Amino acid sequence: KQRMQKHGLKENAYEYGLAKALVFIA
């Protein structure tokens, strides 16, 4: 939520990659 608010709640390739990386880490 913090990261997406930074981009005005718009989808962003980096944010998706970050979220996916966190899921992989988990």
mmCIF file of all heavy atoms, coordinates in Angstrom:
data_MODEL
# 
_entry.id   MODEL 
# 
loop_
_atom_site.group_PDB 
_atom_site.id 
_atom_site.type_symbol 
_atom_site.label_atom_id 
_atom_site.label_alt_id 
_atom_site.label_comp_id 
_atom_site.label_asym_id 
_atom_site.label_entity_id 
_atom_site.label_seq_id 
_atom_site.pdbx_PDB_ins_code 
_atom_site.Cartn_x 
_atom_site.Cartn_y 
_atom_site.Cartn_z 
_atom_site.occupancy 
_atom_site.B_iso_or_equiv 
_atom_site.pdbx_formal_charge 
_atom_site.auth_seq_id 
_atom_site.auth_comp_id 
_atom_site.auth_asym_id 
_atom_site.auth_atom_id 
_atom_site.pdbx_PDB_model_num 
ATOM 1   N N   . LYS A 1 1  ? 0.841  -1.204  0.000   1.00 0.00 ? 1  LYS A N   1 
ATOM 2   C CA  . LYS A 1 1  ? 0.000  0.000   0.000   1.00 0.00 ? 1  LYS A CA  1 
ATOM 3   C C   . LYS A 1 1  ? 0.871  1.247   0.000   1.00 0.00 ? 1  LYS A C   1 
ATOM 4   O O   . LYS A 1 1  ? 0.608  2.209   -0.727  1.00 0.00 ? 1  LYS A O   1 
ATOM 5   C CB  . LYS A 1 1  ? -0.928 -0.009  1.217   1.00 0.00 ? 1  LYS A CB  1 
ATOM 6   C CG  . LYS A 1 1  ? -2.109 -0.959  1.072   1.00 0.00 ? 1  LYS A CG  1 
ATOM 7   C CD  . LYS A 1 1  ? -2.914 -1.062  2.349   1.00 0.00 ? 1  LYS A CD  1 
ATOM 8   C CE  . LYS A 1 1  ? -3.601 0.238   2.693   1.00 0.00 ? 1  LYS A CE  1 
ATOM 9   N NZ  . LYS A 1 1  ? -4.470 0.071   3.889   1.00 0.00 ? 1  LYS A NZ  1 
ATOM 10  N N   . GLN A 1 2  ? 1.945  1.235   0.798   1.00 0.00 ? 2  GLN A N   1 
ATOM 11  C CA  . GLN A 1 2  ? 2.855  2.381   0.853   1.00 0.00 ? 2  GLN A CA  1 
ATOM 12  C C   . GLN A 1 2  ? 3.528  2.595   -0.498  1.00 0.00 ? 2  GLN A C   1 
ATOM 13  O O   . GLN A 1 2  ? 3.630  3.715   -0.993  1.00 0.00 ? 2  GLN A O   1 
ATOM 14  C CB  . GLN A 1 2  ? 3.918  2.135   1.935   1.00 0.00 ? 2  GLN A CB  1 
ATOM 15  C CG  . GLN A 1 2  ? 4.913  3.265   2.124   1.00 0.00 ? 2  GLN A CG  1 
ATOM 16  C CD  . GLN A 1 2  ? 4.281  4.495   2.746   1.00 0.00 ? 2  GLN A CD  1 
ATOM 17  O OE1 . GLN A 1 2  ? 3.343  4.386   3.543   1.00 0.00 ? 2  GLN A OE1 1 
ATOM 18  N NE2 . GLN A 1 2  ? 4.781  5.665   2.401   1.00 0.00 ? 2  GLN A NE2 1 
ATOM 19  N N   . ARG A 1 3  ? 3.982  1.511   -1.114  1.00 0.00 ? 3  ARG A N   1 
ATOM 20  C CA  . ARG A 1 3  ? 4.651  1.629   -2.404  1.00 0.00 ? 3  ARG A CA  1 
ATOM 21  C C   . ARG A 1 3  ? 3.686  2.107   -3.491  1.00 0.00 ? 3  ARG A C   1 
ATOM 22  O O   . ARG A 1 3  ? 4.036  2.962   -4.310  1.00 0.00 ? 3  ARG A O   1 
ATOM 23  C CB  . ARG A 1 3  ? 5.213  0.261   -2.816  1.00 0.00 ? 3  ARG A CB  1 
ATOM 24  C CG  . ARG A 1 3  ? 6.350  -0.245  -1.945  1.00 0.00 ? 3  ARG A CG  1 
ATOM 25  C CD  . ARG A 1 3  ? 7.627  0.517   -2.145  1.00 0.00 ? 3  ARG A CD  1 
ATOM 26  N NE  . ARG A 1 3  ? 8.014  0.586   -3.537  1.00 0.00 ? 3  ARG A NE  1 
ATOM 27  C CZ  . ARG A 1 3  ? 9.090  1.257   -3.972  1.00 0.00 ? 3  ARG A CZ  1 
ATOM 28  N NH1 . ARG A 1 3  ? 9.869  1.890   -3.108  1.00 0.00 ? 3  ARG A NH1 1 
ATOM 29  N NH2 . ARG A 1 3  ? 9.386  1.291   -5.254  1.00 0.00 ? 3  ARG A NH2 1 
ATOM 30  N N   . MET A 1 4  ? 2.463  1.581   -3.505  1.00 0.00 ? 4  MET A N   1 
ATOM 31  C CA  . MET A 1 4  ? 1.519  1.950   -4.550  1.00 0.00 ? 4  MET A CA  1 
ATOM 32  C C   . MET A 1 4  ? 0.990  3.369   -4.373  1.00 0.00 ? 4  MET A C   1 
ATOM 33  O O   . MET A 1 4  ? 0.705  4.058   -5.349  1.00 0.00 ? 4  MET A O   1 
ATOM 34  C CB  . MET A 1 4  ? 0.380  0.930   -4.609  1.00 0.00 ? 4  MET A CB  1 
ATOM 35  C CG  . MET A 1 4  ? 0.856  -0.448  -5.061  1.00 0.00 ? 4  MET A CG  1 
ATOM 36  S SD  . MET A 1 4  ? -0.440 -1.690  -5.106  1.00 0.00 ? 4  MET A SD  1 
ATOM 37  C CE  . MET A 1 4  ? -1.387 -1.096  -6.514  1.00 0.00 ? 4  MET A CE  1 
ATOM 38  N N   . GLN A 1 5  ? 0.876  3.809   -3.137  1.00 0.00 ? 5  GLN A N   1 
ATOM 39  C CA  . GLN A 1 5  ? 0.468  5.194   -2.900  1.00 0.00 ? 5  GLN A CA  1 
ATOM 40  C C   . GLN A 1 5  ? 1.503  6.169   -3.449  1.00 0.00 ? 5  GLN A C   1 
ATOM 41  O O   . GLN A 1 5  ? 1.177  7.264   -3.883  1.00 0.00 ? 5  GLN A O   1 
ATOM 42  C CB  . GLN A 1 5  ? 0.243  5.424   -1.404  1.00 0.00 ? 5  GLN A CB  1 
ATOM 43  C CG  . GLN A 1 5  ? -1.057 4.820   -0.892  1.00 0.00 ? 5  GLN A CG  1 
ATOM 44  C CD  . GLN A 1 5  ? -1.168 4.854   0.620   1.00 0.00 ? 5  GLN A CD  1 
ATOM 45  O OE1 . GLN A 1 5  ? -0.269 5.334   1.310   1.00 0.00 ? 5  GLN A OE1 1 
ATOM 46  N NE2 . GLN A 1 5  ? -2.244 4.314   1.148   1.00 0.00 ? 5  GLN A NE2 1 
ATOM 47  N N   . LYS A 1 6  ? 2.750  5.735   -3.447  1.00 0.00 ? 6  LYS A N   1 
ATOM 48  C CA  . LYS A 1 6  ? 3.832  6.547   -4.002  1.00 0.00 ? 6  LYS A CA  1 
ATOM 49  C C   . LYS A 1 6  ? 3.603  6.819   -5.482  1.00 0.00 ? 6  LYS A C   1 
ATOM 50  O O   . LYS A 1 6  ? 4.013  7.850   -6.013  1.00 0.00 ? 6  LYS A O   1 
ATOM 51  C CB  . LYS A 1 6  ? 5.166  5.822   -3.789  1.00 0.00 ? 6  LYS A CB  1 
ATOM 52  C CG  . LYS A 1 6  ? 6.390  6.539   -4.327  1.00 0.00 ? 6  LYS A CG  1 
ATOM 53  C CD  . LYS A 1 6  ? 7.640  5.729   -4.056  1.00 0.00 ? 6  LYS A CD  1 
ATOM 54  C CE  . LYS A 1 6  ? 8.871  6.412   -4.640  1.00 0.00 ? 6  LYS A CE  1 
ATOM 55  N NZ  . LYS A 1 6  ? 10.103 5.618   -4.413  1.00 0.00 ? 6  LYS A NZ  1 
ATOM 56  N N   . HIS A 1 7  ? 2.937  5.892   -6.159  1.00 0.00 ? 7  HIS A N   1 
ATOM 57  C CA  . HIS A 1 7  ? 2.666  6.031   -7.591  1.00 0.00 ? 7  HIS A CA  1 
ATOM 58  C C   . HIS A 1 7  ? 1.208  6.370   -7.869  1.00 0.00 ? 7  HIS A C   1 
ATOM 59  O O   . HIS A 1 7  ? 0.708  6.110   -8.962  1.00 0.00 ? 7  HIS A O   1 
ATOM 60  C CB  . HIS A 1 7  ? 3.038  4.728   -8.310  1.00 0.00 ? 7  HIS A CB  1 
ATOM 61  C CG  . HIS A 1 7  ? 4.468  4.339   -8.156  1.00 0.00 ? 7  HIS A CG  1 
ATOM 62  N ND1 . HIS A 1 7  ? 5.502  5.014   -8.771  1.00 0.00 ? 7  HIS A ND1 1 
ATOM 63  C CD2 . HIS A 1 7  ? 5.063  3.358   -7.422  1.00 0.00 ? 7  HIS A CD2 1 
ATOM 64  C CE1 . HIS A 1 7  ? 6.654  4.467   -8.441  1.00 0.00 ? 7  HIS A CE1 1 
ATOM 65  N NE2 . HIS A 1 7  ? 6.414  3.468   -7.625  1.00 0.00 ? 7  HIS A NE2 1 
ATOM 66  N N   . GLY A 1 8  ? 0.527  6.926   -6.880  1.00 0.00 ? 8  GLY A N   1 
ATOM 67  C CA  . GLY A 1 8  ? -0.861 7.307   -7.084  1.00 0.00 ? 8  GLY A CA  1 
ATOM 68  C C   . GLY A 1 8  ? -1.776 6.133   -7.305  1.00 0.00 ? 8  GLY A C   1 
ATOM 69  O O   . GLY A 1 8  ? -2.757 6.242   -8.040  1.00 0.00 ? 8  GLY A O   1 
ATOM 70  N N   . LEU A 1 9  ? -1.450 4.977   -6.690  1.00 0.00 ? 9  LEU A N   1 
ATOM 71  C CA  . LEU A 1 9  ? -2.228 3.737   -6.786  1.00 0.00 ? 9  LEU A CA  1 
ATOM 72  C C   . LEU A 1 9  ? -2.264 3.167   -8.198  1.00 0.00 ? 9  LEU A C   1 
ATOM 73  O O   . LEU A 1 9  ? -3.093 2.320   -8.505  1.00 0.00 ? 9  LEU A O   1 
ATOM 74  C CB  . LEU A 1 9  ? -3.662 3.946   -6.271  1.00 0.00 ? 9  LEU A CB  1 
ATOM 75  C CG  . LEU A 1 9  ? -3.785 4.423   -4.826  1.00 0.00 ? 9  LEU A CG  1 
ATOM 76  C CD1 . LEU A 1 9  ? -5.252 4.500   -4.438  1.00 0.00 ? 9  LEU A CD1 1 
ATOM 77  C CD2 . LEU A 1 9  ? -3.031 3.507   -3.866  1.00 0.00 ? 9  LEU A CD2 1 
ATOM 78  N N   . LYS A 1 10 ? -1.344 3.624   -9.071  1.00 0.00 ? 10 LYS A N   1 
ATOM 79  C CA  . LYS A 1 10 ? -1.284 3.085   -10.425 1.00 0.00 ? 10 LYS A CA  1 
ATOM 80  C C   . LYS A 1 10 ? -0.395 1.839   -10.443 1.00 0.00 ? 10 LYS A C   1 
ATOM 81  O O   . LYS A 1 10 ? 0.613  1.767   -9.746  1.00 0.00 ? 10 LYS A O   1 
ATOM 82  C CB  . LYS A 1 10 ? -0.716 4.128   -11.392 1.00 0.00 ? 10 LYS A CB  1 
ATOM 83  C CG  . LYS A 1 10 ? -1.620 5.329   -11.576 1.00 0.00 ? 10 LYS A CG  1 
ATOM 84  C CD  . LYS A 1 10 ? -0.995 6.328   -12.529 1.00 0.00 ? 10 LYS A CD  1 
ATOM 85  C CE  . LYS A 1 10 ? -1.892 7.545   -12.726 1.00 0.00 ? 10 LYS A CE  1 
ATOM 86  N NZ  . LYS A 1 10 ? -1.276 8.551   -13.629 1.00 0.00 ? 10 LYS A NZ  1 
ATOM 87  N N   . GLU A 1 11 ? -0.796 0.853   -11.254 1.00 0.00 ? 11 GLU A N   1 
ATOM 88  C CA  . GLU A 1 11 ? 0.012  -0.349  -11.374 1.00 0.00 ? 11 GLU A CA  1 
ATOM 89  C C   . GLU A 1 11 ? 1.381  0.000   -11.931 1.00 0.00 ? 11 GLU A C   1 
ATOM 90  O O   . GLU A 1 11 ? 1.535  0.923   -12.729 1.00 0.00 ? 11 GLU A O   1 
ATOM 91  C CB  . GLU A 1 11 ? -0.680 -1.384  -12.283 1.00 0.00 ? 11 GLU A CB  1 
ATOM 92  C CG  . GLU A 1 11 ? -1.894 -2.048  -11.662 1.00 0.00 ? 11 GLU A CG  1 
ATOM 93  C CD  . GLU A 1 11 ? -3.139 -1.203  -11.729 1.00 0.00 ? 11 GLU A CD  1 
ATOM 94  O OE1 . GLU A 1 11 ? -3.108 -0.175  -12.432 1.00 0.00 ? 11 GLU A OE1 1 
ATOM 95  O OE2 . GLU A 1 11 ? -4.140 -1.560  -11.096 1.00 0.00 ? 11 GLU A OE2 1 
ATOM 96  N N   . ASN A 1 12 ? 2.376  -0.759  -11.504 1.00 0.00 ? 12 ASN A N   1 
ATOM 97  C CA  . ASN A 1 12 ? 3.746  -0.437  -11.853 1.00 0.00 ? 12 ASN A CA  1 
ATOM 98  C C   . ASN A 1 12 ? 4.531  -1.743  -11.933 1.00 0.00 ? 12 ASN A C   1 
ATOM 99  O O   . ASN A 1 12 ? 4.406  -2.605  -11.063 1.00 0.00 ? 12 ASN A O   1 
ATOM 100 C CB  . ASN A 1 12 ? 4.303  0.503   -10.772 1.00 0.00 ? 12 ASN A CB  1 
ATOM 101 C CG  . ASN A 1 12 ? 5.748  0.857   -10.974 1.00 0.00 ? 12 ASN A CG  1 
ATOM 102 O OD1 . ASN A 1 12 ? 6.628  0.032   -10.758 1.00 0.00 ? 12 ASN A OD1 1 
ATOM 103 N ND2 . ASN A 1 12 ? 6.001  2.088   -11.371 1.00 0.00 ? 12 ASN A ND2 1 
ATOM 104 N N   . ALA A 1 13 ? 5.345  -1.898  -12.963 1.00 0.00 ? 13 ALA A N   1 
ATOM 105 C CA  . ALA A 1 13 ? 6.068  -3.161  -13.164 1.00 0.00 ? 13 ALA A CA  1 
ATOM 106 C C   . ALA A 1 13 ? 7.007  -3.463  -12.002 1.00 0.00 ? 13 ALA A C   1 
ATOM 107 O O   . ALA A 1 13 ? 7.128  -4.608  -11.571 1.00 0.00 ? 13 ALA A O   1 
ATOM 108 C CB  . ALA A 1 13 ? 6.845  -3.104  -14.476 1.00 0.00 ? 13 ALA A CB  1 
ATOM 109 N N   . TYR A 1 14 ? 7.662  -2.429  -11.476 1.00 0.00 ? 14 TYR A N   1 
ATOM 110 C CA  . TYR A 1 14 ? 8.602  -2.659  -10.376 1.00 0.00 ? 14 TYR A CA  1 
ATOM 111 C C   . TYR A 1 14 ? 7.859  -3.135  -9.130  1.00 0.00 ? 14 TYR A C   1 
ATOM 112 O O   . TYR A 1 14 ? 8.327  -4.028  -8.418  1.00 0.00 ? 14 TYR A O   1 
ATOM 113 C CB  . TYR A 1 14 ? 9.389  -1.387  -10.061 1.00 0.00 ? 14 TYR A CB  1 
ATOM 114 C CG  . TYR A 1 14 ? 10.406 -1.581  -8.947  1.00 0.00 ? 14 TYR A CG  1 
ATOM 115 C CD1 . TYR A 1 14 ? 11.654 -2.143  -9.217  1.00 0.00 ? 14 TYR A CD1 1 
ATOM 116 C CD2 . TYR A 1 14 ? 10.101 -1.224  -7.637  1.00 0.00 ? 14 TYR A CD2 1 
ATOM 117 C CE1 . TYR A 1 14 ? 12.579 -2.337  -8.198  1.00 0.00 ? 14 TYR A CE1 1 
ATOM 118 C CE2 . TYR A 1 14 ? 11.026 -1.414  -6.615  1.00 0.00 ? 14 TYR A CE2 1 
ATOM 119 C CZ  . TYR A 1 14 ? 12.270 -1.966  -6.903  1.00 0.00 ? 14 TYR A CZ  1 
ATOM 120 O OH  . TYR A 1 14 ? 13.180 -2.168  -5.884  1.00 0.00 ? 14 TYR A OH  1 
ATOM 121 N N   . GLU A 1 15 ? 6.705  -2.542  -8.866  1.00 0.00 ? 15 GLU A N   1 
ATOM 122 C CA  . GLU A 1 15 ? 5.953  -2.909  -7.671  1.00 0.00 ? 15 GLU A CA  1 
ATOM 123 C C   . GLU A 1 15 ? 5.451  -4.347  -7.755  1.00 0.00 ? 15 GLU A C   1 
ATOM 124 O O   . GLU A 1 15 ? 5.456  -5.076  -6.763  1.00 0.00 ? 15 GLU A O   1 
ATOM 125 C CB  . GLU A 1 15 ? 4.778  -1.948  -7.445  1.00 0.00 ? 15 GLU A CB  1 
ATOM 126 C CG  . GLU A 1 15 ? 5.143  -0.475  -7.406  1.00 0.00 ? 15 GLU A CG  1 
ATOM 127 C CD  . GLU A 1 15 ? 6.316  -0.149  -6.497  1.00 0.00 ? 15 GLU A CD  1 
ATOM 128 O OE1 . GLU A 1 15 ? 6.624  -0.931  -5.579  1.00 0.00 ? 15 GLU A OE1 1 
ATOM 129 O OE2 . GLU A 1 15 ? 6.941  0.896   -6.716  1.00 0.00 ? 15 GLU A OE2 1 
ATOM 130 N N   . TYR A 1 16 ? 5.025  -4.751  -8.953  1.00 0.00 ? 16 TYR A N   1 
ATOM 131 C CA  . TYR A 1 16 ? 4.601  -6.145  -9.104  1.00 0.00 ? 16 TYR A CA  1 
ATOM 132 C C   . TYR A 1 16 ? 5.787  -7.080  -8.883  1.00 0.00 ? 16 TYR A C   1 
ATOM 133 O O   . TYR A 1 16 ? 5.675  -8.103  -8.203  1.00 0.00 ? 16 TYR A O   1 
ATOM 134 C CB  . TYR A 1 16 ? 4.001  -6.383  -10.498 1.00 0.00 ? 16 TYR A CB  1 
ATOM 135 C CG  . TYR A 1 16 ? 3.589  -7.822  -10.703 1.00 0.00 ? 16 TYR A CG  1 
ATOM 136 C CD1 . TYR A 1 16 ? 2.386  -8.300  -10.206 1.00 0.00 ? 16 TYR A CD1 1 
ATOM 137 C CD2 . TYR A 1 16 ? 4.431  -8.710  -11.380 1.00 0.00 ? 16 TYR A CD2 1 
ATOM 138 C CE1 . TYR A 1 16 ? 2.013  -9.628  -10.373 1.00 0.00 ? 16 TYR A CE1 1 
ATOM 139 C CE2 . TYR A 1 16 ? 4.070  -10.040 -11.541 1.00 0.00 ? 16 TYR A CE2 1 
ATOM 140 C CZ  . TYR A 1 16 ? 2.864  -10.489 -11.042 1.00 0.00 ? 16 TYR A CZ  1 
ATOM 141 O OH  . TYR A 1 16 ? 2.513  -11.803 -11.199 1.00 0.00 ? 16 TYR A OH  1 
ATOM 142 N N   . GLY A 1 17 ? 6.937  -6.708  -9.444  1.00 0.00 ? 17 GLY A N   1 
ATOM 143 C CA  . GLY A 1 17 ? 8.136  -7.523  -9.254  1.00 0.00 ? 17 GLY A CA  1 
ATOM 144 C C   . GLY A 1 17 ? 8.555  -7.584  -7.798  1.00 0.00 ? 17 GLY A C   1 
ATOM 145 O O   . GLY A 1 17 ? 8.993  -8.639  -7.308  1.00 0.00 ? 17 GLY A O   1 
ATOM 146 N N   . LEU A 1 18 ? 8.403  -6.463  -7.087  1.00 0.00 ? 18 LEU A N   1 
ATOM 147 C CA  . LEU A 1 18 ? 8.737  -6.434  -5.664  1.00 0.00 ? 18 LEU A CA  1 
ATOM 148 C C   . LEU A 1 18 ? 7.807  -7.366  -4.884  1.00 0.00 ? 18 LEU A C   1 
ATOM 149 O O   . LEU A 1 18 ? 8.262  -8.161  -4.042  1.00 0.00 ? 18 LEU A O   1 
ATOM 150 C CB  . LEU A 1 18 ? 8.631  -5.001  -5.145  1.00 0.00 ? 18 LEU A CB  1 
ATOM 151 C CG  . LEU A 1 18 ? 9.113  -4.712  -3.719  1.00 0.00 ? 18 LEU A CG  1 
ATOM 152 C CD1 . LEU A 1 18 ? 9.553  -3.256  -3.596  1.00 0.00 ? 18 LEU A CD1 1 
ATOM 153 C CD2 . LEU A 1 18 ? 8.027  -4.999  -2.693  1.00 0.00 ? 18 LEU A CD2 1 
ATOM 154 N N   . ALA A 1 19 ? 6.511  -7.271  -5.162  1.00 0.00 ? 19 ALA A N   1 
ATOM 155 C CA  . ALA A 1 19 ? 5.544  -8.118  -4.465  1.00 0.00 ? 19 ALA A CA  1 
ATOM 156 C C   . ALA A 1 19 ? 5.813  -9.592  -4.752  1.00 0.00 ? 19 ALA A C   1 
ATOM 157 O O   . ALA A 1 19 ? 5.766  -10.437 -3.849  1.00 0.00 ? 19 ALA A O   1 
ATOM 158 C CB  . ALA A 1 19 ? 4.123  -7.744  -4.885  1.00 0.00 ? 19 ALA A CB  1 
ATOM 159 N N   . LYS A 1 20 ? 6.116  -9.898  -5.998  1.00 0.00 ? 20 LYS A N   1 
ATOM 160 C CA  . LYS A 1 20 ? 6.399  -11.280 -6.379  1.00 0.00 ? 20 LYS A CA  1 
ATOM 161 C C   . LYS A 1 20 ? 7.657  -11.782 -5.675  1.00 0.00 ? 20 LYS A C   1 
ATOM 162 O O   . LYS A 1 20 ? 7.712  -12.935 -5.209  1.00 0.00 ? 20 LYS A O   1 
ATOM 163 C CB  . LYS A 1 20 ? 6.556  -11.367 -7.899  1.00 0.00 ? 20 LYS A CB  1 
ATOM 164 C CG  . LYS A 1 20 ? 6.553  -12.783 -8.443  1.00 0.00 ? 20 LYS A CG  1 
ATOM 165 C CD  . LYS A 1 20 ? 6.549  -12.741 -9.973  1.00 0.00 ? 20 LYS A CD  1 
ATOM 166 C CE  . LYS A 1 20 ? 6.535  -14.153 -10.544 1.00 0.00 ? 20 LYS A CE  1 
ATOM 167 N NZ  . LYS A 1 20 ? 6.523  -14.136 -12.035 1.00 0.00 ? 20 LYS A NZ  1 
ATOM 168 N N   . ALA A 1 21 ? 8.685  -10.911 -5.575  1.00 0.00 ? 21 ALA A N   1 
ATOM 169 C CA  . ALA A 1 21 ? 9.918  -11.293 -4.885  1.00 0.00 ? 21 ALA A CA  1 
ATOM 170 C C   . ALA A 1 21 ? 9.649  -11.583 -3.411  1.00 0.00 ? 21 ALA A C   1 
ATOM 171 O O   . ALA A 1 21 ? 10.196 -12.543 -2.849  1.00 0.00 ? 21 ALA A O   1 
ATOM 172 C CB  . ALA A 1 21 ? 10.959 -10.178 -5.022  1.00 0.00 ? 21 ALA A CB  1 
ATOM 173 N N   . LEU A 1 22 ? 8.791  -10.780 -2.775  1.00 0.00 ? 22 LEU A N   1 
ATOM 174 C CA  . LEU A 1 22 ? 8.461  -11.021 -1.369  1.00 0.00 ? 22 LEU A CA  1 
ATOM 175 C C   . LEU A 1 22 ? 7.750  -12.365 -1.196  1.00 0.00 ? 22 LEU A C   1 
ATOM 176 O O   . LEU A 1 22 ? 8.008  -13.086 -0.223  1.00 0.00 ? 22 LEU A O   1 
ATOM 177 C CB  . LEU A 1 22 ? 7.599  -9.886  -0.824  1.00 0.00 ? 22 LEU A CB  1 
ATOM 178 C CG  . LEU A 1 22 ? 8.291  -8.528  -0.632  1.00 0.00 ? 22 LEU A CG  1 
ATOM 179 C CD1 . LEU A 1 22 ? 7.297  -7.491  -0.125  1.00 0.00 ? 22 LEU A CD1 1 
ATOM 180 C CD2 . LEU A 1 22 ? 9.483  -8.635  0.315   1.00 0.00 ? 22 LEU A CD2 1 
ATOM 181 N N   . VAL A 1 23 ? 6.887  -12.698 -2.138  1.00 0.00 ? 23 VAL A N   1 
ATOM 182 C CA  . VAL A 1 23 ? 6.189  -13.987 -2.060  1.00 0.00 ? 23 VAL A CA  1 
ATOM 183 C C   . VAL A 1 23 ? 7.186  -15.135 -2.234  1.00 0.00 ? 23 VAL A C   1 
ATOM 184 O O   . VAL A 1 23 ? 7.125  -16.146 -1.527  1.00 0.00 ? 23 VAL A O   1 
ATOM 185 C CB  . VAL A 1 23 ? 5.056  -14.064 -3.104  1.00 0.00 ? 23 VAL A CB  1 
ATOM 186 C CG1 . VAL A 1 23 ? 4.461  -15.469 -3.159  1.00 0.00 ? 23 VAL A CG1 1 
ATOM 187 C CG2 . VAL A 1 23 ? 3.960  -13.049 -2.759  1.00 0.00 ? 23 VAL A CG2 1 
ATOM 188 N N   . PHE A 1 24 ? 8.144  -14.957 -3.152  1.00 0.00 ? 24 PHE A N   1 
ATOM 189 C CA  . PHE A 1 24 ? 9.185  -15.972 -3.328  1.00 0.00 ? 24 PHE A CA  1 
ATOM 190 C C   . PHE A 1 24 ? 10.020 -16.119 -2.059  1.00 0.00 ? 24 PHE A C   1 
ATOM 191 O O   . PHE A 1 24 ? 10.360 -17.233 -1.645  1.00 0.00 ? 24 PHE A O   1 
ATOM 192 C CB  . PHE A 1 24 ? 10.098 -15.612 -4.501  1.00 0.00 ? 24 PHE A CB  1 
ATOM 193 C CG  . PHE A 1 24 ? 9.533  -15.940 -5.847  1.00 0.00 ? 24 PHE A CG  1 
ATOM 194 C CD1 . PHE A 1 24 ? 9.809  -15.139 -6.947  1.00 0.00 ? 24 PHE A CD1 1 
ATOM 195 C CD2 . PHE A 1 24 ? 8.725  -17.055 -6.038  1.00 0.00 ? 24 PHE A CD2 1 
ATOM 196 C CE1 . PHE A 1 24 ? 9.297  -15.425 -8.188  1.00 0.00 ? 24 PHE A CE1 1 
ATOM 197 C CE2 . PHE A 1 24 ? 8.204  -17.352 -7.281  1.00 0.00 ? 24 PHE A CE2 1 
ATOM 198 C CZ  . PHE A 1 24 ? 8.483  -16.542 -8.371  1.00 0.00 ? 24 PHE A CZ  1 
ATOM 199 N N   . ILE A 1 25 ? 10.365 -14.982 -1.439  1.00 0.00 ? 25 ILE A N   1 
ATOM 200 C CA  . ILE A 1 25 ? 11.155 -15.014 -0.204  1.00 0.00 ? 25 ILE A CA  1 
ATOM 201 C C   . ILE A 1 25 ? 10.388 -15.759 0.882   1.00 0.00 ? 25 ILE A C   1 
ATOM 202 O O   . ILE A 1 25 ? 10.955 -16.563 1.626   1.00 0.00 ? 25 ILE A O   1 
ATOM 203 C CB  . ILE A 1 25 ? 11.505 -13.581 0.247   1.00 0.00 ? 25 ILE A CB  1 
ATOM 204 C CG1 . ILE A 1 25 ? 12.551 -12.974 -0.700  1.00 0.00 ? 25 ILE A CG1 1 
ATOM 205 C CG2 . ILE A 1 25 ? 12.026 -13.564 1.686   1.00 0.00 ? 25 ILE A CG2 1 
ATOM 206 C CD1 . ILE A 1 25 ? 12.777 -11.491 -0.492  1.00 0.00 ? 25 ILE A CD1 1 
ATOM 207 N N   . ALA A 1 26 ? 9.100  -15.489 0.955   1.00 0.00 ? 26 ALA A N   1 
ATOM 208 C CA  . ALA A 1 26 ? 8.279  -16.183 1.951   1.00 0.00 ? 26 ALA A CA  1 
ATOM 209 C C   . ALA A 1 26 ? 8.260  -17.687 1.686   1.00 0.00 ? 26 ALA A C   1 
ATOM 210 O O   . ALA A 1 26 ? 8.464  -18.496 2.590   1.00 0.00 ? 26 ALA A O   1 
ATOM 211 C CB  . ALA A 1 26 ? 6.854  -15.621 1.940   1.00 0.00 ? 26 ALA A CB  1 
# 
